[in-house]
């Protein structure tokens, strides 16, 4: 570091240029150094990068262990930062628990590499109990002056924070959406001043902002207009934000819209109530501009991802209906299986996730028949061993077709793949036995078999109800089907 710069600083400011606790340079000296690097970069064309380093959950750590331990940790972390940067780089204490580094003559890739070394050293030193998040921005690529450079490093830091912490993020300029790509944000607040403030923050970034002043108008708007995000006040007359959120999440057509609650309430109980109502995130009034915009961007990306997954799911369901329409003998089969499986799941007190898995599994369990030749599907005489071998591949085919939606379908994939497995190991495609077969697959096996017995097939007429029930009981006695599930079904249909 330039000794002359340090001496000049002390003479002009009459204050130390290093922080007494951490040993890093002070915020003021960082600003002077930043101005110098800007001049040097403009003169010689050298790039440089600044990094803002924030300690994750520092306030909670400080509160739990005390300020003395907090100060000790700040000093230790400052030492780790100094160990991982070059002698020409400058590290300073930017604010309370935020450090900053000027990576001299460093472009984006080299600065990211250095920041990642710092992050990893902190994680290793504390075994993951203490972590840091880092936001980076470069001159001249990201900004034309120091103020803008710091601002963009702060944006990158917020992005690192809301993306899970313990991460390094580089500022990335997002393209302004065109009018037909504009995201639509519904702002709900009974205070006109808050509505104007949020609109003023969002509108310059080309968001379409719809403002309403109460919960009833919010729900009415959602019935008429598709939105990408809801910014929701909690404390409103008549219908508070919790109730609005519950109704949004309870409606099939609006449940995927992210809800960001903006409120003066910052206690744990209020946040727990919001989470129980279905809110994705919280931000305290008055909102910090950078934090708000970072969270808005993140949640809108989440909405688009969920919308894409829902579109893929709808394509698969359309494919399943198309497969069924090829075979007049199975018309209505997937709807009946799905409905009955859901009813059994609810009767057994399964989780909402498993009940949804039964709904989707019932719809998609035979989608693999799209890969089975029509001459086998429609054959009016018993299948040959080779034909039967081909027919049995439909369970695995159904699974593979549905697999790209693994995160969305969850245990529905078990119901899809294993709906022809039997407890005694005589089923297919794997030959699972007993407890190896998941509960959702056991339910699907019983319901699919039951509906198949009552359906006309190319090679036989449907059975009367009494005959079908007798076969179900027999298979349960022989240990092929789950007796408890069969008994539950019989109780429903007899």
Protein backbone atom coordinates (compact mmCIF):
# COMPACT_ATOMS: atom_id res chain seq x y z
CA UNK A 1 0.00 0.00 0.00
CA UNK A 2 1.18 3.51 -0.85
CA UNK A 3 2.84 4.97 2.28
CA UNK A 4 2.45 8.50 0.90
CA UNK A 5 -1.32 8.01 0.62
CA UNK A 6 -1.46 6.96 4.27
CA UNK A 7 0.58 9.97 5.40
CA UNK A 8 -1.55 12.38 3.36
CA UNK A 9 -4.71 10.88 4.84
CA UNK A 10 -3.52 11.35 8.41
CA UNK A 11 -2.45 14.94 7.76
CA UNK A 12 -5.74 15.92 6.14
CA UNK A 13 -8.18 13.92 8.25
CA UNK A 14 -6.29 13.95 11.57
CA UNK A 15 -7.52 10.44 12.27
CA UNK A 16 -6.02 6.94 12.09
CA UNK A 17 -6.28 5.13 8.77
CA UNK A 18 -6.66 1.68 10.38
CA UNK A 19 -9.54 0.28 12.41
CA UNK A 20 -8.55 -0.30 16.05
CA UNK A 21 -10.44 -3.61 16.37
CA UNK A 22 -9.75 -5.42 13.11
CA UNK A 23 -6.51 -3.85 11.97
CA UNK A 24 -8.04 -3.27 8.52
CA UNK A 25 -8.17 0.15 6.92
CA UNK A 26 -11.01 2.47 7.91
CA UNK A 27 -14.05 3.29 5.77
CA UNK A 28 -12.67 6.77 5.11
CA UNK A 29 -9.32 5.46 3.91
CA UNK A 30 -11.16 2.96 1.68
CA UNK A 31 -12.99 5.85 -0.01
CA UNK A 32 -9.73 7.74 -0.59
CA UNK A 33 -8.12 4.59 -1.98
CA UNK A 34 -11.12 3.96 -4.21
CA UNK A 35 -10.80 7.46 -5.70
CA UNK A 36 -7.11 6.82 -6.36
CA UNK A 37 -7.83 3.50 -8.12
CA UNK A 38 -10.47 5.14 -10.29
CA UNK A 39 -7.93 7.74 -11.45
CA UNK A 40 -5.27 5.09 -12.10
CA UNK A 41 -7.70 2.89 -13.99
CA UNK A 42 -8.86 5.74 -16.21
CA UNK A 43 -5.25 6.72 -16.90
CA UNK A 44 -3.67 3.33 -17.53
CA UNK A 45 -6.70 1.21 -18.46
CA UNK A 46 -6.22 -1.22 -15.57
CA UNK A 47 -9.40 -2.88 -14.32
CA UNK A 48 -10.07 -3.36 -10.62
CA UNK A 49 -12.84 -4.98 -8.58
CA UNK A 50 -14.36 -4.22 -5.21
CA UNK A 51 -15.87 -6.85 -2.96
CA UNK A 52 -18.28 -6.36 -0.05
CA UNK A 53 -17.99 -9.17 2.52
CA UNK A 54 -20.86 -9.60 4.97
CA UNK A 55 -20.92 -12.05 7.90
CA UNK A 56 -24.05 -14.19 7.69
CA UNK A 57 -26.34 -14.05 10.78
CA UNK A 58 -23.83 -11.85 12.66
CA UNK A 59 -26.51 -10.05 14.71
CA UNK A 60 -27.92 -13.37 15.94
CA UNK A 61 -24.41 -14.59 16.76
CA UNK A 62 -23.66 -11.36 18.62
CA UNK A 63 -26.90 -11.53 20.57
CA UNK A 64 -26.41 -15.17 21.53
CA UNK A 65 -22.74 -15.08 22.59
CA UNK A 66 -22.27 -11.43 23.51
CA UNK A 67 -20.47 -8.45 22.02
CA UNK A 68 -17.07 -9.49 23.33
CA UNK A 69 -17.19 -12.77 21.42
CA UNK A 70 -18.59 -10.91 18.42
CA UNK A 71 -15.64 -8.50 18.41
CA UNK A 72 -13.24 -11.43 18.72
CA UNK A 73 -14.81 -13.06 15.69
CA UNK A 74 -14.55 -9.82 13.66
CA UNK A 75 -10.84 -9.64 14.43
CA UNK A 76 -10.33 -13.29 13.47
CA UNK A 77 -12.22 -12.91 10.20
CA UNK A 78 -10.27 -9.78 9.32
CA UNK A 79 -7.09 -11.82 9.75
CA UNK A 80 -8.44 -14.54 7.41
CA UNK A 81 -9.26 -11.91 4.78
CA UNK A 82 -5.73 -10.48 4.95
CA UNK A 83 -4.23 -13.97 4.59
CA UNK A 84 -6.12 -14.63 1.36
CA UNK A 85 -5.49 -11.38 -0.54
CA UNK A 86 -2.32 -10.08 -2.19
CA UNK A 87 -0.10 -7.44 -0.63
CA UNK A 88 -1.17 -4.95 -3.31
CA UNK A 89 -4.88 -5.41 -2.52
CA UNK A 90 -6.59 -3.26 0.10
CA UNK A 91 -8.94 -4.58 2.83
CA UNK A 92 -11.05 -2.23 4.95
CA UNK A 93 -13.84 -2.33 7.49
CA UNK A 94 -16.70 -0.88 5.47
CA UNK A 95 -19.24 -0.88 8.32
CA UNK A 96 -20.04 -2.82 11.50
CA UNK A 97 -19.83 -6.42 10.23
CA UNK A 98 -19.11 -5.69 6.56
CA UNK A 99 -15.58 -5.72 5.15
CA UNK A 100 -14.53 -4.51 1.72
CA UNK A 101 -11.59 -5.40 -0.50
CA UNK A 102 -10.21 -3.55 -3.51
CA UNK A 103 -8.70 -6.18 -5.77
CA UNK A 104 -6.08 -4.11 -7.63
CA UNK A 105 -5.67 -4.73 -11.38
CA UNK A 106 -8.15 -7.62 -11.24
CA UNK A 107 -10.92 -8.42 -13.66
CA UNK A 108 -14.11 -10.33 -12.81
CA UNK A 109 -12.78 -13.93 -13.04
CA UNK A 110 -9.63 -13.33 -10.97
CA UNK A 111 -11.53 -11.35 -8.32
CA UNK A 112 -14.19 -14.05 -8.06
CA UNK A 113 -11.45 -16.63 -7.56
CA UNK A 114 -9.88 -14.58 -4.77
CA UNK A 115 -13.27 -13.96 -3.10
CA UNK A 116 -14.05 -17.66 -3.27
CA UNK A 117 -10.75 -18.43 -1.49
CA UNK A 118 -11.78 -16.06 1.30
CA UNK A 119 -15.24 -17.64 1.57
CA UNK A 120 -13.84 -21.16 1.70
CA UNK A 121 -11.22 -20.25 4.32
CA UNK A 122 -13.94 -18.83 6.62
CA UNK A 123 -16.17 -21.87 6.14
CA UNK A 124 -13.26 -24.22 6.87
CA UNK A 125 -12.01 -22.25 9.90
CA UNK A 126 -15.40 -22.40 11.62
CA UNK A 127 -16.63 -25.73 10.29
CA UNK A 128 -19.56 -24.03 8.55
CA UNK A 129 -20.88 -22.50 11.81
CA UNK A 130 -19.81 -19.04 10.58
CA UNK A 131 -20.09 -18.13 6.89
CA UNK A 132 -19.81 -15.03 4.73
CA UNK A 133 -21.56 -13.72 1.62
CA UNK A 134 -19.66 -11.67 -0.96
CA UNK A 135 -20.86 -9.20 -3.60
CA UNK A 136 -18.47 -8.09 -6.37
CA UNK A 137 -18.45 -5.41 -9.08
CA UNK A 138 -15.71 -4.30 -11.48
CA UNK A 139 -14.51 -1.02 -12.96
CA UNK A 140 -14.93 -0.03 -15.74
CA UNK A 141 -17.11 -2.95 -16.85
CA UNK A 142 -19.93 -2.52 -14.32
CA UNK A 143 -19.83 1.17 -13.42
CA UNK A 144 -18.39 4.55 -14.43
CA UNK A 145 -17.80 5.99 -10.94
CA UNK A 146 -17.15 4.94 -7.37
CA UNK A 147 -20.68 5.49 -6.06
CA UNK A 148 -22.19 3.31 -8.78
CA UNK A 149 -19.50 0.67 -8.27
CA UNK A 150 -20.35 0.37 -4.55
CA UNK A 151 -24.07 0.37 -5.32
CA UNK A 152 -23.70 -2.55 -7.71
CA UNK A 153 -21.51 -4.49 -5.29
CA UNK A 154 -24.32 -4.02 -2.73
CA UNK A 155 -26.85 -5.39 -5.23
CA UNK A 156 -24.64 -8.42 -5.81
CA UNK A 157 -24.30 -8.90 -2.03
CA UNK A 158 -28.06 -8.81 -1.53
CA UNK A 159 -28.42 -11.39 -4.29
CA UNK A 160 -25.91 -13.63 -2.52
CA UNK A 161 -27.86 -13.23 0.72
CA UNK A 162 -31.30 -14.04 -0.62
CA UNK A 163 -29.95 -16.94 -2.66
CA UNK A 164 -29.01 -18.88 0.44
CA UNK A 165 -25.99 -17.03 1.91
CA UNK A 166 -22.42 -18.42 2.04
CA UNK A 167 -22.03 -17.50 -1.64
CA UNK A 168 -20.04 -15.21 -3.93
CA UNK A 169 -22.10 -13.19 -6.42
CA UNK A 170 -20.87 -10.89 -9.17
CA UNK A 171 -23.02 -8.00 -10.27
CA UNK A 172 -24.89 -8.89 -13.43
CA UNK A 173 -26.76 -6.29 -15.44
CA UNK A 174 -30.15 -7.72 -16.35
CA UNK A 175 -31.72 -6.85 -19.68
CA UNK A 176 -34.70 -4.58 -19.42
CA UNK A 177 -37.78 -6.61 -20.36
CA UNK A 178 -39.74 -5.56 -23.42
CA UNK A 179 -43.36 -4.53 -22.99
CA UNK A 180 -44.64 -8.01 -23.88
CA UNK A 181 -42.24 -9.52 -21.30
CA UNK A 182 -43.05 -7.10 -18.47
CA UNK A 183 -43.63 -8.75 -15.12
CA UNK A 184 -46.84 -7.78 -13.39
CA UNK A 185 -46.71 -6.97 -9.66
CA UNK A 186 -49.82 -6.58 -7.51
CA UNK A 187 -49.20 -4.20 -4.57
CA UNK A 188 -51.71 -4.42 -1.70
CA UNK A 189 -51.57 -1.76 1.03
CA UNK A 190 -54.18 0.44 2.71
CA UNK A 191 -51.70 3.35 2.96
CA UNK A 192 -51.67 5.44 -0.27
CA UNK A 193 -48.16 6.66 0.54
CA UNK A 194 -46.82 3.11 0.64
CA UNK A 195 -48.50 2.30 -2.68
CA UNK A 196 -46.85 5.31 -4.33
CA UNK A 197 -43.46 4.46 -2.81
CA UNK A 198 -43.48 0.86 -4.06
CA UNK A 199 -44.69 1.93 -7.49
CA UNK A 200 -41.87 4.50 -7.67
CA UNK A 201 -39.31 1.81 -6.84
CA UNK A 202 -40.64 -0.77 -9.31
CA UNK A 203 -41.78 1.27 -12.29
CA UNK A 204 -38.30 2.42 -13.47
CA UNK A 205 -37.33 -1.25 -13.88
CA UNK A 206 -40.24 -1.72 -16.29
CA UNK A 207 -42.48 -3.70 -13.93
CA UNK A 208 -46.19 -3.28 -14.49
CA UNK A 209 -47.55 -2.22 -11.09
CA UNK A 210 -51.18 -2.79 -10.10
CA UNK A 211 -52.22 -1.07 -6.86
CA UNK A 212 -55.14 -1.96 -4.59
CA UNK A 213 -55.88 -0.77 -1.07
CA UNK A 214 -57.56 -3.80 0.55
CA UNK A 215 -57.70 -7.58 0.56
CA UNK A 216 -61.09 -7.88 -1.11
CA UNK A 217 -59.94 -5.85 -4.12
CA UNK A 218 -56.73 -7.90 -4.27
CA UNK A 219 -58.63 -11.19 -4.55
CA UNK A 220 -61.02 -9.69 -7.09
CA UNK A 221 -58.07 -8.46 -9.19
CA UNK A 222 -56.47 -11.91 -9.13
CA UNK A 223 -59.66 -13.40 -10.57
CA UNK A 224 -59.36 -11.08 -13.59
CA UNK A 225 -55.62 -10.57 -14.17
CA UNK A 226 -52.56 -12.85 -14.17
CA UNK A 227 -49.79 -11.50 -11.92
CA UNK A 228 -46.22 -12.63 -11.25
CA UNK A 229 -45.80 -11.40 -7.67
CA UNK A 230 -47.87 -10.01 -4.80
CA UNK A 231 -46.40 -7.39 -2.43
CA UNK A 232 -48.74 -7.66 0.54
CA UNK A 233 -49.18 -5.50 3.64
CA UNK A 234 -50.21 -7.42 6.78
CA UNK A 235 -52.01 -4.83 8.90
CA UNK A 236 -55.11 -3.90 6.89
CA UNK A 237 -58.72 -3.39 8.01
CA UNK A 238 -61.45 -6.01 7.38
CA UNK A 239 -59.20 -8.66 5.80
CA UNK A 240 -55.59 -8.70 6.95
CA UNK A 241 -52.62 -9.88 4.88
CA UNK A 242 -52.56 -13.31 6.52
CA UNK A 243 -56.09 -14.07 5.35
CA UNK A 244 -55.40 -12.71 1.86
CA UNK A 245 -52.34 -14.94 1.62
CA UNK A 246 -54.25 -18.01 2.83
CA UNK A 247 -56.92 -17.48 0.18
CA UNK A 248 -54.35 -16.93 -2.57
CA UNK A 249 -52.52 -20.14 -1.65
CA UNK A 250 -55.78 -22.05 -1.23
CA UNK A 251 -56.93 -21.27 -4.77
CA UNK A 252 -55.68 -23.67 -7.45
CA UNK A 253 -55.36 -20.89 -10.03
CA UNK A 254 -53.33 -18.51 -7.83
CA UNK A 255 -51.39 -20.77 -5.43
CA UNK A 256 -48.13 -20.53 -7.45
CA UNK A 257 -47.97 -16.72 -7.26
CA UNK A 258 -45.19 -15.75 -4.80
CA UNK A 259 -46.23 -13.52 -1.90
CA UNK A 260 -43.75 -11.05 -0.38
CA UNK A 261 -45.12 -9.59 2.85
CA UNK A 262 -44.03 -6.00 3.54
CA UNK A 263 -44.78 -5.02 7.11
CA UNK A 264 -43.76 -3.09 10.22
CA UNK A 265 -44.02 -6.34 12.20
CA UNK A 266 -40.63 -7.99 12.66
CA UNK A 267 -41.23 -10.43 15.53
CA UNK A 268 -40.85 -14.18 15.08
CA UNK A 269 -44.53 -14.92 15.82
CA UNK A 270 -45.68 -12.67 12.97
CA UNK A 271 -43.28 -14.31 10.53
CA UNK A 272 -44.38 -17.79 11.59
CA UNK A 273 -48.00 -16.80 10.95
CA UNK A 274 -46.99 -15.55 7.51
CA UNK A 275 -45.15 -18.78 6.70
CA UNK A 276 -48.15 -20.82 7.83
CA UNK A 277 -50.34 -18.70 5.54
CA UNK A 278 -48.00 -19.52 2.62
CA UNK A 279 -45.85 -16.37 2.22
CA UNK A 280 -42.51 -16.87 0.46
CA UNK A 281 -40.63 -13.98 2.06
CA UNK A 282 -40.80 -10.90 4.31
CA UNK A 283 -39.33 -7.42 4.23
CA UNK A 284 -39.63 -4.70 6.87
CA UNK A 285 -41.05 -1.23 6.27
CA UNK A 286 -39.68 1.08 5.09
CA UNK A 287 -38.07 -1.27 2.57
CA UNK A 288 -34.43 -0.92 1.58
CA UNK A 289 -34.46 -0.31 -2.17
CA UNK A 290 -31.67 -2.74 -3.05
CA UNK A 291 -33.03 -5.48 -0.81
CA UNK A 292 -36.57 -5.05 -2.13
CA UNK A 293 -35.55 -5.14 -5.79
CA UNK A 294 -33.28 -8.15 -5.27
CA UNK A 295 -36.09 -10.10 -3.61
CA UNK A 296 -38.63 -9.05 -6.23
CA UNK A 297 -36.33 -10.29 -9.02
CA UNK A 298 -35.67 -13.56 -7.19
CA UNK A 299 -39.35 -14.32 -6.53
CA UNK A 300 -40.42 -13.47 -10.07
CA UNK A 301 -37.78 -15.89 -11.37
CA UNK A 302 -39.26 -18.50 -9.01
CA UNK A 303 -42.73 -17.83 -10.43
CA UNK A 304 -41.51 -18.26 -14.00
CA UNK A 305 -39.76 -21.52 -13.11
CA UNK A 306 -42.91 -22.87 -11.44
CA UNK A 307 -45.00 -21.76 -14.41
CA UNK A 308 -42.66 -23.62 -16.78
CA UNK A 309 -42.89 -26.76 -14.65
CA UNK A 310 -46.67 -26.46 -14.56
CA UNK A 311 -46.73 -26.13 -18.36
CA UNK A 312 -44.64 -29.30 -18.67
CA UNK A 313 -46.96 -31.06 -16.24
CA UNK A 314 -49.95 -30.01 -18.34
CA UNK A 315 -48.23 -31.35 -21.47
CA UNK A 316 -47.72 -34.71 -19.77
CA UNK A 317 -51.36 -34.80 -18.68
CA UNK A 318 -52.44 -34.01 -22.24
CA UNK A 319 -50.21 -36.85 -23.45
CA UNK A 320 -51.79 -39.21 -20.92
CA UNK A 321 -55.26 -38.26 -22.16
CA UNK A 322 -54.11 -38.77 -25.75
CA UNK A 323 -52.82 -42.26 -24.92
CA UNK A 324 -56.11 -43.14 -23.28
CA UNK A 325 -58.13 -41.84 -26.23
CA UNK A 326 -56.36 -44.35 -28.51
CA UNK A 327 -57.93 -47.19 -26.53
CA UNK A 328 -61.74 -47.02 -26.25
CA UNK A 329 -61.64 -49.82 -23.70
CA UNK A 330 -59.86 -47.67 -21.12
CA UNK A 331 -61.78 -44.43 -21.59
CA UNK A 332 -62.05 -42.61 -18.26
CA UNK A 333 -59.63 -45.02 -16.55
CA UNK A 334 -57.01 -42.45 -15.50
CA UNK A 335 -59.60 -40.06 -14.04
CA UNK A 336 -61.29 -42.86 -12.08
CA UNK A 337 -57.98 -44.20 -10.78
CA UNK A 338 -56.75 -40.74 -9.81
CA UNK A 339 -60.01 -39.83 -8.02
CA UNK A 340 -60.28 -43.10 -6.11
CA UNK A 341 -56.58 -43.11 -5.14
CA UNK A 342 -56.90 -39.59 -3.72
CA UNK A 343 -59.99 -40.62 -1.73
CA UNK A 344 -58.12 -43.60 -0.25
CA UNK A 345 -55.10 -41.41 0.56
CA UNK A 346 -57.26 -38.89 2.40
CA UNK A 347 -58.98 -41.71 4.28
CA UNK A 348 -55.62 -42.99 5.46
CA UNK A 349 -54.60 -39.52 6.62
CA UNK A 350 -51.68 -39.19 4.20
CA UNK A 351 -49.84 -35.89 3.82
CA UNK A 352 -50.94 -33.32 1.25
CA UNK A 353 -47.78 -34.10 -0.73
CA UNK A 354 -48.68 -37.81 -0.92
CA UNK A 355 -52.28 -37.04 -1.84
CA UNK A 356 -51.06 -34.81 -4.69
CA UNK A 357 -48.70 -37.63 -5.69
CA UNK A 358 -51.68 -39.99 -5.92
CA UNK A 359 -53.59 -37.49 -8.05
CA UNK A 360 -50.75 -37.05 -10.52
CA UNK A 361 -49.70 -40.69 -10.35
CA UNK A 362 -53.22 -41.77 -11.23
CA UNK A 363 -53.19 -39.53 -14.28
CA UNK A 364 -49.69 -40.43 -15.50
CA UNK A 365 -49.29 -44.10 -14.52
CA UNK A 366 -50.09 -45.43 -18.01
CA UNK A 367 -48.53 -42.64 -20.10
CA UNK A 368 -45.77 -45.09 -21.10
CA UNK A 369 -48.27 -46.99 -23.23
CA UNK A 370 -47.54 -44.35 -25.86
CA UNK A 371 -44.49 -46.50 -26.60
CA UNK A 372 -46.40 -49.79 -26.85
CA UNK A 373 -47.42 -50.87 -30.39
CA UNK A 374 -51.13 -50.48 -31.09
CA UNK A 375 -51.38 -54.10 -32.25
CA UNK A 376 -50.41 -55.21 -28.74
CA UNK A 377 -52.65 -52.71 -26.94
CA UNK A 378 -55.66 -53.68 -29.03
CA UNK A 379 -55.04 -57.44 -29.35
CA UNK A 380 -58.24 -59.45 -28.81
CA UNK A 381 -56.49 -62.71 -27.90
CA UNK A 382 -54.06 -63.43 -25.04
CA UNK A 383 -50.61 -61.90 -25.46
CA UNK A 384 -47.67 -64.13 -26.33
CA UNK A 385 -44.73 -64.22 -23.87
CA UNK A 386 -42.78 -61.79 -26.09
CA UNK A 387 -45.77 -59.45 -26.41
CA UNK A 388 -46.35 -59.57 -22.67
CA UNK A 389 -42.69 -58.70 -22.11
CA UNK A 390 -43.17 -55.59 -24.26
CA UNK A 391 -46.42 -54.68 -22.50
CA UNK A 392 -44.73 -54.81 -19.08
CA UNK A 393 -42.25 -52.13 -20.17
CA UNK A 394 -44.98 -49.47 -20.00
CA UNK A 395 -44.41 -48.90 -16.26
CA UNK A 396 -40.74 -48.03 -16.77
CA UNK A 397 -41.61 -46.00 -19.87
CA UNK A 398 -44.16 -44.02 -17.84
CA UNK A 399 -41.51 -43.38 -15.20
CA UNK A 400 -38.88 -42.21 -17.71
CA UNK A 401 -41.31 -39.87 -19.49
CA UNK A 402 -42.26 -38.30 -16.13
CA UNK A 403 -38.74 -38.22 -14.67
CA UNK A 404 -37.80 -34.69 -15.92
CA UNK A 405 -40.43 -33.39 -13.47
CA UNK A 406 -38.82 -35.22 -10.53
CA UNK A 407 -38.80 -32.17 -8.23
CA UNK A 408 -42.45 -31.45 -8.95
CA UNK A 409 -43.81 -34.99 -8.99
CA UNK A 410 -41.92 -36.30 -5.95
CA UNK A 411 -43.40 -39.57 -4.72
CA UNK A 412 -45.81 -39.62 -7.68
CA UNK A 413 -42.89 -41.21 -9.54
CA UNK A 414 -43.12 -44.17 -7.14
CA UNK A 415 -46.82 -44.55 -7.86
CA UNK A 416 -46.14 -44.36 -11.60
CA UNK A 417 -43.29 -46.86 -11.72
CA UNK A 418 -44.43 -49.41 -9.12
CA UNK A 419 -48.20 -49.58 -9.65
CA UNK A 420 -47.89 -53.17 -10.93
CA UNK A 421 -45.65 -54.40 -8.11
CA UNK A 422 -47.07 -57.02 -5.72
CA UNK A 423 -46.25 -57.64 -2.07
CA UNK A 424 -45.16 -61.21 -2.74
CA UNK A 425 -42.62 -60.08 -5.36
CA UNK A 426 -44.61 -61.38 -8.34
CA UNK A 427 -45.17 -57.94 -9.87
CA UNK A 428 -43.17 -55.81 -12.28
CA UNK A 429 -41.03 -53.97 -13.42
CA UNK A 430 -38.62 -54.54 -10.49
CA UNK A 431 -40.17 -57.36 -8.45
CA UNK A 432 -40.26 -55.43 -5.16
CA UNK A 433 -41.53 -57.19 -2.03
CA UNK A 434 -43.37 -56.12 1.12
CA UNK A 435 -42.19 -52.86 2.65
CA UNK A 436 -39.99 -52.17 -0.38
CA UNK A 437 -43.15 -50.94 -2.11
CA UNK A 438 -44.02 -47.34 -1.10
CA UNK A 439 -47.49 -46.66 0.31
CA UNK A 440 -48.55 -44.51 -2.65
CA UNK A 441 -47.61 -47.36 -5.02
CA UNK A 442 -49.58 -49.87 -2.91
CA UNK A 443 -52.66 -47.67 -3.13
CA UNK A 444 -52.18 -47.20 -6.87
CA UNK A 445 -51.78 -50.96 -7.37
CA UNK A 446 -55.09 -51.73 -5.63
CA UNK A 447 -57.05 -48.97 -7.37
CA UNK A 448 -55.60 -49.67 -10.85
CA UNK A 449 -56.30 -53.40 -10.50
CA UNK A 450 -59.85 -52.77 -9.24
CA UNK A 451 -60.74 -50.40 -12.08
CA UNK A 452 -59.18 -52.77 -14.63
CA UNK A 453 -61.45 -55.61 -13.46
CA UNK A 454 -64.52 -53.42 -14.01
CA UNK A 455 -63.43 -52.26 -17.49
CA UNK A 456 -63.98 -53.92 -20.87
CA UNK A 457 -60.70 -55.06 -22.39
CA UNK A 458 -60.04 -56.28 -25.98
CA UNK A 459 -59.57 -59.86 -24.73
CA UNK A 460 -62.41 -60.01 -22.17
CA UNK A 461 -65.61 -58.38 -20.96
CA UNK A 462 -65.68 -56.43 -17.72
CA UNK A 463 -66.56 -58.30 -14.57
CA UNK A 464 -69.60 -57.63 -12.47
CA UNK A 465 -68.89 -55.74 -9.28
CA UNK A 466 -69.32 -58.75 -7.00
CA UNK A 467 -66.76 -60.81 -8.99
CA UNK A 468 -64.23 -57.97 -8.96
CA UNK A 469 -64.48 -57.59 -5.18
CA UNK A 470 -64.04 -61.33 -4.70
CA UNK A 471 -60.81 -61.28 -6.72
CA UNK A 472 -59.53 -58.31 -4.71
CA UNK A 473 -60.17 -60.17 -1.46
CA UNK A 474 -58.46 -63.28 -2.78
CA UNK A 475 -55.34 -61.37 -3.88
CA UNK A 476 -55.19 -59.69 -0.48
CA UNK A 477 -55.43 -63.09 1.28
CA UNK A 478 -52.66 -64.47 -0.94
CA UNK A 479 -50.39 -61.59 -0.01
CA UNK A 480 -50.30 -59.92 -3.39
CA UNK A 481 -52.21 -56.74 -2.51
CA UNK A 482 -52.11 -54.72 0.72
CA UNK A 483 -55.00 -56.11 2.79
CA UNK A 484 -55.54 -52.91 4.76
CA UNK A 485 -55.83 -50.83 1.57
CA UNK A 486 -58.14 -53.43 0.00
CA UNK A 487 -60.35 -53.33 3.11
CA UNK A 488 -60.45 -49.51 2.92
CA UNK A 489 -61.46 -49.71 -0.73
CA UNK A 490 -64.15 -52.30 -0.06
CA UNK A 491 -65.58 -50.11 2.66
CA UNK A 492 -65.83 -47.25 0.17
CA UNK A 493 -67.35 -49.15 -2.78
CA UNK A 494 -69.52 -51.91 -1.27
